[in-house]
Amino acid sequence: MLKDFAGLGGLVRAAALIPDSLPAEELLDQAMKLPESERRVLALRLLESVGDESSEEVDRAWVEEARRRLDDIRAGRSQPVAWEDARRRIFARLR
């Protein structure tokens, strides 16, 4: 269904034709048939549609988290880890 529509305007027209009852997995299968450039546009539009946090709220949350972590280190509640060690631990868990 979606593969018959080209460009952003085509995505808008295609979205209007998708029945509400179309299962997400089938929709994904159809979307994967789009050219890469159209999949990128679709992915960006989907990402924009979820979450209502502004970038300012996200930035503020990260600053608060960084301050909390620094306070924990200064108070001795946490120990910093070198990036090389952290990376090694992360990849060891993924294996």
PDB file of N, CA and C in Angstrom:
ATOM      1  N   MET A   1       0.828  -1.185   0.000  1.00  0.00           N
ATOM      2  CA  MET A   1       0.000   0.000   0.000  1.00  0.00           C
ATOM      3  C   MET A   1       0.875   1.251   0.000  1.00  0.00           C
ATOM      4  N   LEU A   2       1.795   1.408   0.955  1.00  0.00           N
ATOM      5  CA  LEU A   2       2.616   2.598   1.039  1.00  0.00           C
ATOM      6  C   LEU A   2       3.599   2.734  -0.109  1.00  0.00           C
ATOM      7  N   LYS A   3       4.024   1.606  -0.688  1.00  0.00           N
ATOM      8  CA  LYS A   3       5.056   1.665  -1.715  1.00  0.00           C
ATOM      9  C   LYS A   3       4.597   2.402  -2.967  1.00  0.00           C
ATOM     10  N   ASP A   4       3.302   2.582  -3.131  1.00  0.00           N
ATOM     11  CA  ASP A   4       2.784   3.246  -4.305  1.00  0.00           C
ATOM     12  C   ASP A   4       2.857   4.765  -4.208  1.00  0.00           C
ATOM     13  N   PHE A   5       3.279   5.297  -3.060  1.00  0.00           N
ATOM     14  CA  PHE A   5       3.297   6.733  -2.854  1.00  0.00           C
ATOM     15  C   PHE A   5       4.731   7.208  -2.733  1.00  0.00           C
ATOM     16  N   ALA A   6       5.069   8.272  -3.428  1.00  0.00           N
ATOM     17  CA  ALA A   6       6.442   8.783  -3.408  1.00  0.00           C
ATOM     18  C   ALA A   6       6.496  10.130  -2.719  1.00  0.00           C
ATOM     19  N   GLY A   7       7.593  10.413  -2.040  1.00  0.00           N
ATOM     20  CA  GLY A   7       7.827  11.703  -1.415  1.00  0.00           C
ATOM     21  C   GLY A   7       7.012  11.922  -0.165  1.00  0.00           C
ATOM     22  N   LEU A   8       7.282  13.030   0.515  1.00  0.00           N
ATOM     23  CA  LEU A   8       6.590  13.353   1.751  1.00  0.00           C
ATOM     24  C   LEU A   8       5.093  13.519   1.523  1.00  0.00           C
ATOM     25  N   GLY A   9       4.729  14.189   0.454  1.00  0.00           N
ATOM     26  CA  GLY A   9       3.310  14.339   0.154  1.00  0.00           C
ATOM     27  C   GLY A   9       2.645  12.990  -0.036  1.00  0.00           C
ATOM     28  N   GLY A  10       3.381  12.065  -0.638  1.00  0.00           N
ATOM     29  CA  GLY A  10       2.861  10.715  -0.811  1.00  0.00           C
ATOM     30  C   GLY A  10       2.670  10.015   0.515  1.00  0.00           C
ATOM     31  N   LEU A  11       3.571  10.249   1.457  1.00  0.00           N
ATOM     32  CA  LEU A  11       3.433   9.640   2.785  1.00  0.00           C
ATOM     33  C   LEU A  11       2.183  10.151   3.482  1.00  0.00           C
ATOM     34  N   VAL A  12       1.920  11.429   3.322  1.00  0.00           N
ATOM     35  CA  VAL A  12       0.725  12.002   3.936  1.00  0.00           C
ATOM     36  C   VAL A  12      -0.514  11.373   3.321  1.00  0.00           C
ATOM     37  N   ARG A  13      -0.533  11.287   1.985  1.00  0.00           N
ATOM     38  CA  ARG A  13      -1.682  10.662   1.314  1.00  0.00           C
ATOM     39  C   ARG A  13      -1.801   9.193   1.697  1.00  0.00           C
ATOM     40  N   ALA A  14      -0.669   8.497   1.800  1.00  0.00           N
ATOM     41  CA  ALA A  14      -0.691   7.078   2.151  1.00  0.00           C
ATOM     42  C   ALA A  14      -1.210   6.890   3.563  1.00  0.00           C
ATOM     43  N   ALA A  15      -0.795   7.750   4.492  1.00  0.00           N
ATOM     44  CA  ALA A  15      -1.230   7.626   5.875  1.00  0.00           C
ATOM     45  C   ALA A  15      -2.746   7.755   5.981  1.00  0.00           C
ATOM     46  N   ALA A  16      -3.329   8.583   5.134  1.00  0.00           N
ATOM     47  CA  ALA A  16      -4.775   8.762   5.166  1.00  0.00           C
ATOM     48  C   ALA A  16      -5.507   7.506   4.712  1.00  0.00           C
ATOM     49  N   LEU A  17      -4.835   6.646   3.945  1.00  0.00           N
ATOM     50  CA  LEU A  17      -5.467   5.442   3.436  1.00  0.00           C
ATOM     51  C   LEU A  17      -5.266   4.216   4.324  1.00  0.00           C
ATOM     52  N   ILE A  18      -4.446   4.334   5.354  1.00  0.00           N
ATOM     53  CA  ILE A  18      -4.166   3.190   6.212  1.00  0.00           C
ATOM     54  C   ILE A  18      -5.320   3.013   7.185  1.00  0.00           C
ATOM     55  N   PRO A  19      -5.958   1.866   7.167  1.00  0.00           N
ATOM     56  CA  PRO A  19      -7.066   1.645   8.108  1.00  0.00           C
ATOM     57  C   PRO A  19      -6.548   1.592   9.543  1.00  0.00           C
ATOM     58  N   ASP A  20      -7.401   2.056  10.481  1.00  0.00           N
ATOM     59  CA  ASP A  20      -7.020   2.042  11.889  1.00  0.00           C
ATOM     60  C   ASP A  20      -6.770   0.631  12.394  1.00  0.00           C
ATOM     61  N   SER A  21      -7.343  -0.338  11.745  1.00  0.00           N
ATOM     62  CA  SER A  21      -7.227  -1.717  12.211  1.00  0.00           C
ATOM     63  C   SER A  21      -5.966  -2.417  11.704  1.00  0.00           C
ATOM     64  N   LEU A  22      -5.142  -1.729  10.912  1.00  0.00           N
ATOM     65  CA  LEU A  22      -3.932  -2.346  10.377  1.00  0.00           C
ATOM     66  C   LEU A  22      -2.969  -2.633  11.514  1.00  0.00           C
ATOM     67  N   PRO A  23      -2.598  -3.903  11.705  1.00  0.00           N
ATOM     68  CA  PRO A  23      -1.676  -4.230  12.790  1.00  0.00           C
ATOM     69  C   PRO A  23      -0.327  -3.543  12.589  1.00  0.00           C
ATOM     70  N   ALA A  24       0.308  -3.184  13.689  1.00  0.00           N
ATOM     71  CA  ALA A  24       1.579  -2.468  13.638  1.00  0.00           C
ATOM     72  C   ALA A  24       2.622  -3.251  12.856  1.00  0.00           C
ATOM     73  N   GLU A  25       2.669  -4.548  13.023  1.00  0.00           N
ATOM     74  CA  GLU A  25       3.678  -5.360  12.332  1.00  0.00           C
ATOM     75  C   GLU A  25       3.469  -5.305  10.814  1.00  0.00           C
ATOM     76  N   GLU A  26       2.236  -5.331  10.372  1.00  0.00           N
ATOM     77  CA  GLU A  26       1.944  -5.241   8.943  1.00  0.00           C
ATOM     78  C   GLU A  26       2.292  -3.841   8.419  1.00  0.00           C
ATOM     79  N   LEU A  27       2.005  -2.835   9.227  1.00  0.00           N
ATOM     80  CA  LEU A  27       2.358  -1.470   8.857  1.00  0.00           C
ATOM     81  C   LEU A  27       3.876  -1.336   8.723  1.00  0.00           C
ATOM     82  N   LEU A  28       4.612  -1.928   9.665  1.00  0.00           N
ATOM     83  CA  LEU A  28       6.071  -1.899   9.594  1.00  0.00           C
ATOM     84  C   LEU A  28       6.561  -2.605   8.335  1.00  0.00           C
ATOM     85  N   ASP A  29       5.978  -3.743   8.014  1.00  0.00           N
ATOM     86  CA  ASP A  29       6.372  -4.453   6.797  1.00  0.00           C
ATOM     87  C   ASP A  29       6.181  -3.581   5.565  1.00  0.00           C
ATOM     88  N   GLN A  30       5.070  -2.878   5.511  1.00  0.00           N
ATOM     89  CA  GLN A  30       4.803  -1.997   4.371  1.00  0.00           C
ATOM     90  C   GLN A  30       5.780  -0.815   4.364  1.00  0.00           C
ATOM     91  N   ALA A  31       6.037  -0.244   5.537  1.00  0.00           N
ATOM     92  CA  ALA A  31       6.953   0.896   5.617  1.00  0.00           C
ATOM     93  C   ALA A  31       8.361   0.496   5.202  1.00  0.00           C
ATOM     94  N   MET A  32       8.773  -0.723   5.501  1.00  0.00           N
ATOM     95  CA  MET A  32      10.118  -1.181   5.156  1.00  0.00           C
ATOM     96  C   MET A  32      10.301  -1.313   3.648  1.00  0.00           C
ATOM     97  N   LYS A  33       9.230  -1.314   2.912  1.00  0.00           N
ATOM     98  CA  LYS A  33       9.303  -1.388   1.449  1.00  0.00           C
ATOM     99  C   LYS A  33       9.546  -0.019   0.820  1.00  0.00           C
ATOM    100  N   LEU A  34       9.430   1.037   1.626  1.00  0.00           N
ATOM    101  CA  LEU A  34       9.673   2.390   1.119  1.00  0.00           C
ATOM    102  C   LEU A  34      11.155   2.577   0.837  1.00  0.00           C
ATOM    103  N   PRO A  35      11.486   3.484  -0.070  1.00  0.00           N
ATOM    104  CA  PRO A  35      12.893   3.829  -0.274  1.00  0.00           C
ATOM    105  C   PRO A  35      13.471   4.400   1.025  1.00  0.00           C
ATOM    106  N   GLU A  36      14.780   4.287   1.179  1.00  0.00           N
ATOM    107  CA  GLU A  36      15.425   4.726   2.419  1.00  0.00           C
ATOM    108  C   GLU A  36      15.095   6.176   2.763  1.00  0.00           C
ATOM    109  N   SER A  37      15.108   7.042   1.784  1.00  0.00           N
ATOM    110  CA  SER A  37      14.844   8.461   2.065  1.00  0.00           C
ATOM    111  C   SER A  37      13.444   8.660   2.652  1.00  0.00           C
ATOM    112  N   GLU A  38      12.474   7.933   2.174  1.00  0.00           N
ATOM    113  CA  GLU A  38      11.118   8.055   2.695  1.00  0.00           C
ATOM    114  C   GLU A  38      10.996   7.403   4.067  1.00  0.00           C
ATOM    115  N   ARG A  39      11.742   6.317   4.305  1.00  0.00           N
ATOM    116  CA  ARG A  39      11.748   5.697   5.636  1.00  0.00           C
ATOM    117  C   ARG A  39      12.330   6.657   6.664  1.00  0.00           C
ATOM    118  N   ARG A  40      13.373   7.409   6.257  1.00  0.00           N
ATOM    119  CA  ARG A  40      13.976   8.392   7.180  1.00  0.00           C
ATOM    120  C   ARG A  40      12.944   9.455   7.560  1.00  0.00           C
ATOM    121  N   VAL A  41      12.217   9.963   6.577  1.00  0.00           N
ATOM    122  CA  VAL A  41      11.194  10.977   6.834  1.00  0.00           C
ATOM    123  C   VAL A  41      10.126  10.394   7.757  1.00  0.00           C
ATOM    124  N   LEU A  42       9.692   9.199   7.460  1.00  0.00           N
ATOM    125  CA  LEU A  42       8.666   8.546   8.277  1.00  0.00           C
ATOM    126  C   LEU A  42       9.168   8.338   9.700  1.00  0.00           C
ATOM    127  N   ALA A  43      10.397   7.881   9.850  1.00  0.00           N
ATOM    128  CA  ALA A  43      10.963   7.651  11.180  1.00  0.00           C
ATOM    129  C   ALA A  43      11.023   8.955  11.970  1.00  0.00           C
ATOM    130  N   LEU A  44      11.455  10.021  11.335  1.00  0.00           N
ATOM    131  CA  LEU A  44      11.520  11.315  12.017  1.00  0.00           C
ATOM    132  C   LEU A  44      10.140  11.794  12.438  1.00  0.00           C
ATOM    133  N   ARG A  45       9.181  11.616  11.565  1.00  0.00           N
ATOM    134  CA  ARG A  45       7.812  12.031  11.889  1.00  0.00           C
ATOM    135  C   ARG A  45       7.260  11.220  13.049  1.00  0.00           C
ATOM    136  N   LEU A  46       7.560   9.924  13.073  1.00  0.00           N
ATOM    137  CA  LEU A  46       7.097   9.089  14.183  1.00  0.00           C
ATOM    138  C   LEU A  46       7.760   9.508  15.492  1.00  0.00           C
ATOM    139  N   LEU A  47       9.057   9.764  15.446  1.00  0.00           N
ATOM    140  CA  LEU A  47       9.754  10.207  16.650  1.00  0.00           C
ATOM    141  C   LEU A  47       9.211  11.528  17.166  1.00  0.00           C
ATOM    142  N   GLU A  48       8.893  12.423  16.255  1.00  0.00           N
ATOM    143  CA  GLU A  48       8.336  13.715  16.652  1.00  0.00           C
ATOM    144  C   GLU A  48       6.971  13.558  17.297  1.00  0.00           C
ATOM    145  N   SER A  49       6.270  12.486  16.975  1.00  0.00           N
ATOM    146  CA  SER A  49       4.902  12.313  17.464  1.00  0.00           C
ATOM    147  C   SER A  49       4.832  11.714  18.863  1.00  0.00           C
ATOM    148  N   VAL A  50       5.933  11.214  19.381  1.00  0.00           N
ATOM    149  CA  VAL A  50       5.905  10.606  20.714  1.00  0.00           C
ATOM    150  C   VAL A  50       6.636  11.492  21.713  1.00  0.00           C
ATOM    151  N   GLY A  51       6.163  11.445  22.914  1.00  0.00           N
ATOM    152  CA  GLY A  51       6.785  12.238  23.968  1.00  0.00           C
ATOM    153  C   GLY A  51       6.489  13.699  23.776  1.00  0.00           C
ATOM    154  N   ASP A  52       6.200  14.354  24.853  1.00  0.00           N
ATOM    155  CA  ASP A  52       5.869  15.766  24.750  1.00  0.00           C
ATOM    156  C   ASP A  52       6.889  16.631  25.479  1.00  0.00           C
ATOM    157  N   GLU A  53       8.040  16.058  25.783  1.00  0.00           N
ATOM    158  CA  GLU A  53       9.067  16.833  26.463  1.00  0.00           C
ATOM    159  C   GLU A  53       9.800  17.721  25.457  1.00  0.00           C
ATOM    160  N   SER A  54       9.922  18.975  25.810  1.00  0.00           N
ATOM    161  CA  SER A  54      10.667  19.883  24.952  1.00  0.00           C
ATOM    162  C   SER A  54      12.148  19.643  25.159  1.00  0.00           C
ATOM    163  N   SER A  55      12.956  20.096  24.229  1.00  0.00           N
ATOM    164  CA  SER A  55      14.395  19.929  24.373  1.00  0.00           C
ATOM    165  C   SER A  55      14.899  20.671  25.601  1.00  0.00           C
ATOM    166  N   GLU A  56      14.243  21.770  25.968  1.00  0.00           N
ATOM    167  CA  GLU A  56      14.631  22.492  27.181  1.00  0.00           C
ATOM    168  C   GLU A  56      14.387  21.652  28.417  1.00  0.00           C
ATOM    169  N   GLU A  57      13.271  20.918  28.445  1.00  0.00           N
ATOM    170  CA  GLU A  57      12.984  20.042  29.582  1.00  0.00           C
ATOM    171  C   GLU A  57      13.998  18.907  29.659  1.00  0.00           C
ATOM    172  N   VAL A  58      14.346  18.374  28.519  1.00  0.00           N
ATOM    173  CA  VAL A  58      15.337  17.296  28.475  1.00  0.00           C
ATOM    174  C   VAL A  58      16.691  17.819  28.932  1.00  0.00           C
ATOM    175  N   ASP A  59      17.087  18.977  28.418  1.00  0.00           N
ATOM    176  CA  ASP A  59      18.355  19.581  28.833  1.00  0.00           C
ATOM    177  C   ASP A  59      18.382  19.832  30.335  1.00  0.00           C
ATOM    178  N   ARG A  60      17.291  20.359  30.866  1.00  0.00           N
ATOM    179  CA  ARG A  60      17.204  20.641  32.296  1.00  0.00           C
ATOM    180  C   ARG A  60      17.311  19.350  33.105  1.00  0.00           C
ATOM    181  N   ALA A  61      16.659  18.286  32.643  1.00  0.00           N
ATOM    182  CA  ALA A  61      16.724  16.997  33.336  1.00  0.00           C
ATOM    183  C   ALA A  61      18.144  16.449  33.341  1.00  0.00           C
ATOM    184  N   TRP A  62      18.874  16.590  32.220  1.00  0.00           N
ATOM    185  CA  TRP A  62      20.257  16.113  32.161  1.00  0.00           C
ATOM    186  C   TRP A  62      21.165  16.918  33.084  1.00  0.00           C
ATOM    187  N   VAL A  63      20.944  18.223  33.168  1.00  0.00           N
ATOM    188  CA  VAL A  63      21.748  19.051  34.071  1.00  0.00           C
ATOM    189  C   VAL A  63      21.496  18.619  35.520  1.00  0.00           C
ATOM    190  N   GLU A  64      20.239  18.388  35.862  1.00  0.00           N
ATOM    191  CA  GLU A  64      19.911  17.929  37.215  1.00  0.00           C
ATOM    192  C   GLU A  64      20.562  16.578  37.507  1.00  0.00           C
ATOM    193  N   GLU A  65      20.523  15.685  36.546  1.00  0.00           N
ATOM    194  CA  GLU A  65      21.134  14.358  36.722  1.00  0.00           C
ATOM    195  C   GLU A  65      22.643  14.476  36.888  1.00  0.00           C
ATOM    196  N   ALA A  66      23.279  15.313  36.085  1.00  0.00           N
ATOM    197  CA  ALA A  66      24.732  15.505  36.197  1.00  0.00           C
ATOM    198  C   ALA A  66      25.086  16.070  37.571  1.00  0.00           C
ATOM    199  N   ARG A  67      24.300  17.026  38.047  1.00  0.00           N
ATOM    200  CA  ARG A  67      24.549  17.592  39.379  1.00  0.00           C
ATOM    201  C   ARG A  67      24.378  16.535  40.462  1.00  0.00           C
ATOM    202  N   ARG A  68      23.329  15.725  40.348  1.00  0.00           N
ATOM    203  CA  ARG A  68      23.081  14.666  41.331  1.00  0.00           C
ATOM    204  C   ARG A  68      24.246  13.680  41.362  1.00  0.00           C
ATOM    205  N   ARG A  69      24.718  13.296  40.175  1.00  0.00           N
ATOM    206  CA  ARG A  69      25.843  12.358  40.106  1.00  0.00           C
ATOM    207  C   ARG A  69      27.112  12.961  40.691  1.00  0.00           C
ATOM    208  N   LEU A  70      27.368  14.226  40.407  1.00  0.00           N
ATOM    209  CA  LEU A  70      28.541  14.892  40.968  1.00  0.00           C
ATOM    210  C   LEU A  70      28.438  14.976  42.491  1.00  0.00           C
ATOM    211  N   ASP A  71      27.239  15.302  42.987  1.00  0.00           N
ATOM    212  CA  ASP A  71      27.024  15.336  44.437  1.00  0.00           C
ATOM    213  C   ASP A  71      27.278  13.966  45.055  1.00  0.00           C
ATOM    214  N   ASP A  72      26.829  12.898  44.390  1.00  0.00           N
ATOM    215  CA  ASP A  72      27.057  11.535  44.892  1.00  0.00           C
ATOM    216  C   ASP A  72      28.544  11.208  44.949  1.00  0.00           C
ATOM    217  N   ILE A  73      29.288  11.626  43.944  1.00  0.00           N
ATOM    218  CA  ILE A  73      30.741  11.376  43.932  1.00  0.00           C
ATOM    219  C   ILE A  73      31.410  12.154  45.058  1.00  0.00           C
ATOM    220  N   ARG A  74      31.066  13.415  45.182  1.00  0.00           N
ATOM    221  CA  ARG A  74      31.675  14.261  46.226  1.00  0.00           C
ATOM    222  C   ARG A  74      31.344  13.763  47.633  1.00  0.00           C
ATOM    223  N   ALA A  75      30.146  13.187  47.797  1.00  0.00           N
ATOM    224  CA  ALA A  75      29.731  12.697  49.110  1.00  0.00           C
ATOM    225  C   ALA A  75      30.226  11.277  49.377  1.00  0.00           C
ATOM    226  N   GLY A  76      30.889  10.664  48.386  1.00  0.00           N
ATOM    227  CA  GLY A  76      31.400   9.314  48.573  1.00  0.00           C
ATOM    228  C   GLY A  76      30.368   8.223  48.380  1.00  0.00           C
ATOM    229  N   ARG A  77      29.195   8.566  47.888  1.00  0.00           N
ATOM    230  CA  ARG A  77      28.140   7.569  47.649  1.00  0.00           C
ATOM    231  C   ARG A  77      28.337   6.837  46.328  1.00  0.00           C
ATOM    232  N   SER A  78      29.220   7.366  45.496  1.00  0.00           N
ATOM    233  CA  SER A  78      29.462   6.790  44.176  1.00  0.00           C
ATOM    234  C   SER A  78      30.927   7.008  43.812  1.00  0.00           C
ATOM    235  N   GLN A  79      31.444   6.108  42.996  1.00  0.00           N
ATOM    236  CA  GLN A  79      32.828   6.216  42.536  1.00  0.00           C
ATOM    237  C   GLN A  79      32.838   6.375  41.025  1.00  0.00           C
ATOM    238  N   PRO A  80      33.604   7.318  40.508  1.00  0.00           N
ATOM    239  CA  PRO A  80      33.684   7.465  39.048  1.00  0.00           C
ATOM    240  C   PRO A  80      34.389   6.258  38.444  1.00  0.00           C
ATOM    241  N   VAL A  81      34.031   5.956  37.203  1.00  0.00           N
ATOM    242  CA  VAL A  81      34.617   4.829  36.465  1.00  0.00           C
ATOM    243  C   VAL A  81      35.201   5.380  35.175  1.00  0.00           C
ATOM    244  N   ALA A  82      36.413   4.976  34.850  1.00  0.00           N
ATOM    245  CA  ALA A  82      37.039   5.404  33.596  1.00  0.00           C
ATOM    246  C   ALA A  82      36.228   4.867  32.419  1.00  0.00           C
ATOM    247  N   TRP A  83      36.171   5.656  31.351  1.00  0.00           N
ATOM    248  CA  TRP A  83      35.403   5.271  30.172  1.00  0.00           C
ATOM    249  C   TRP A  83      35.826   3.906  29.646  1.00  0.00           C
ATOM    250  N   GLU A  84      37.102   3.619  29.619  1.00  0.00           N
ATOM    251  CA  GLU A  84      37.579   2.332  29.105  1.00  0.00           C
ATOM    252  C   GLU A  84      36.979   1.176  29.907  1.00  0.00           C
ATOM    253  N   ASP A  85      36.937   1.323  31.238  1.00  0.00           N
ATOM    254  CA  ASP A  85      36.351   0.284  32.088  1.00  0.00           C
ATOM    255  C   ASP A  85      34.846   0.180  31.874  1.00  0.00           C
ATOM    256  N   ALA A  86      34.182   1.321  31.809  1.00  0.00           N
ATOM    257  CA  ALA A  86      32.736   1.322  31.599  1.00  0.00           C
ATOM    258  C   ALA A  86      32.397   0.674  30.261  1.00  0.00           C
ATOM    259  N   ARG A  87      33.126   1.026  29.225  1.00  0.00           N
ATOM    260  CA  ARG A  87      32.897   0.459  27.890  1.00  0.00           C
ATOM    261  C   ARG A  87      33.084  -1.052  27.904  1.00  0.00           C
ATOM    262  N   ARG A  88      34.154  -1.507  28.549  1.00  0.00           N
ATOM    263  CA  ARG A  88      34.425  -2.944  28.629  1.00  0.00           C
ATOM    264  C   ARG A  88      33.273  -3.665  29.338  1.00  0.00           C
ATOM    265  N   ARG A  89      32.796  -3.099  30.437  1.00  0.00           N
ATOM    266  CA  ARG A  89      31.683  -3.707  31.184  1.00  0.00           C
ATOM    267  C   ARG A  89      30.407  -3.753  30.355  1.00  0.00           C
ATOM    268  N   ILE A  90      30.126  -2.657  29.666  1.00  0.00           N
ATOM    269  CA  ILE A  90      28.913  -2.587  28.830  1.00  0.00           C
ATOM    270  C   ILE A  90      28.943  -3.671  27.759  1.00  0.00           C
ATOM    271  N   PHE A  91      30.065  -3.763  27.040  1.00  0.00           N
ATOM    272  CA  PHE A  91      30.143  -4.736  25.948  1.00  0.00           C
ATOM    273  C   PHE A  91      30.190  -6.167  26.471  1.00  0.00           C
ATOM    274  N   ALA A  92      30.724  -6.373  27.664  1.00  0.00           N
ATOM    275  CA  ALA A  92      30.723  -7.714  28.259  1.00  0.00           C
ATOM    276  C   ALA A  92      29.285  -8.159  28.557  1.00  0.00           C
ATOM    277  N   ARG A  93      28.447  -7.243  28.960  1.00  0.00           N
ATOM    278  CA  ARG A  93      27.041  -7.581  29.245  1.00  0.00           C
ATOM    279  C   ARG A  93      26.259  -7.897  27.972  1.00  0.00           C
ATOM    280  N   LEU A  94      26.672  -7.301  26.871  1.00  0.00           N
ATOM    281  CA  LEU A  94      25.954  -7.507  25.612  1.00  0.00           C
ATOM    282  C   LEU A  94      26.270  -8.835  24.953  1.00  0.00           C
ATOM    283  N   ARG A  95      27.329  -9.496  25.391  1.00  0.00           N
ATOM    284  CA  ARG A  95      27.710 -10.773  24.777  1.00  0.00           C
ATOM    285  C   ARG A  95      26.860 -11.901  25.232  1.00  0.00           C
TER     286      ARG A  95
END
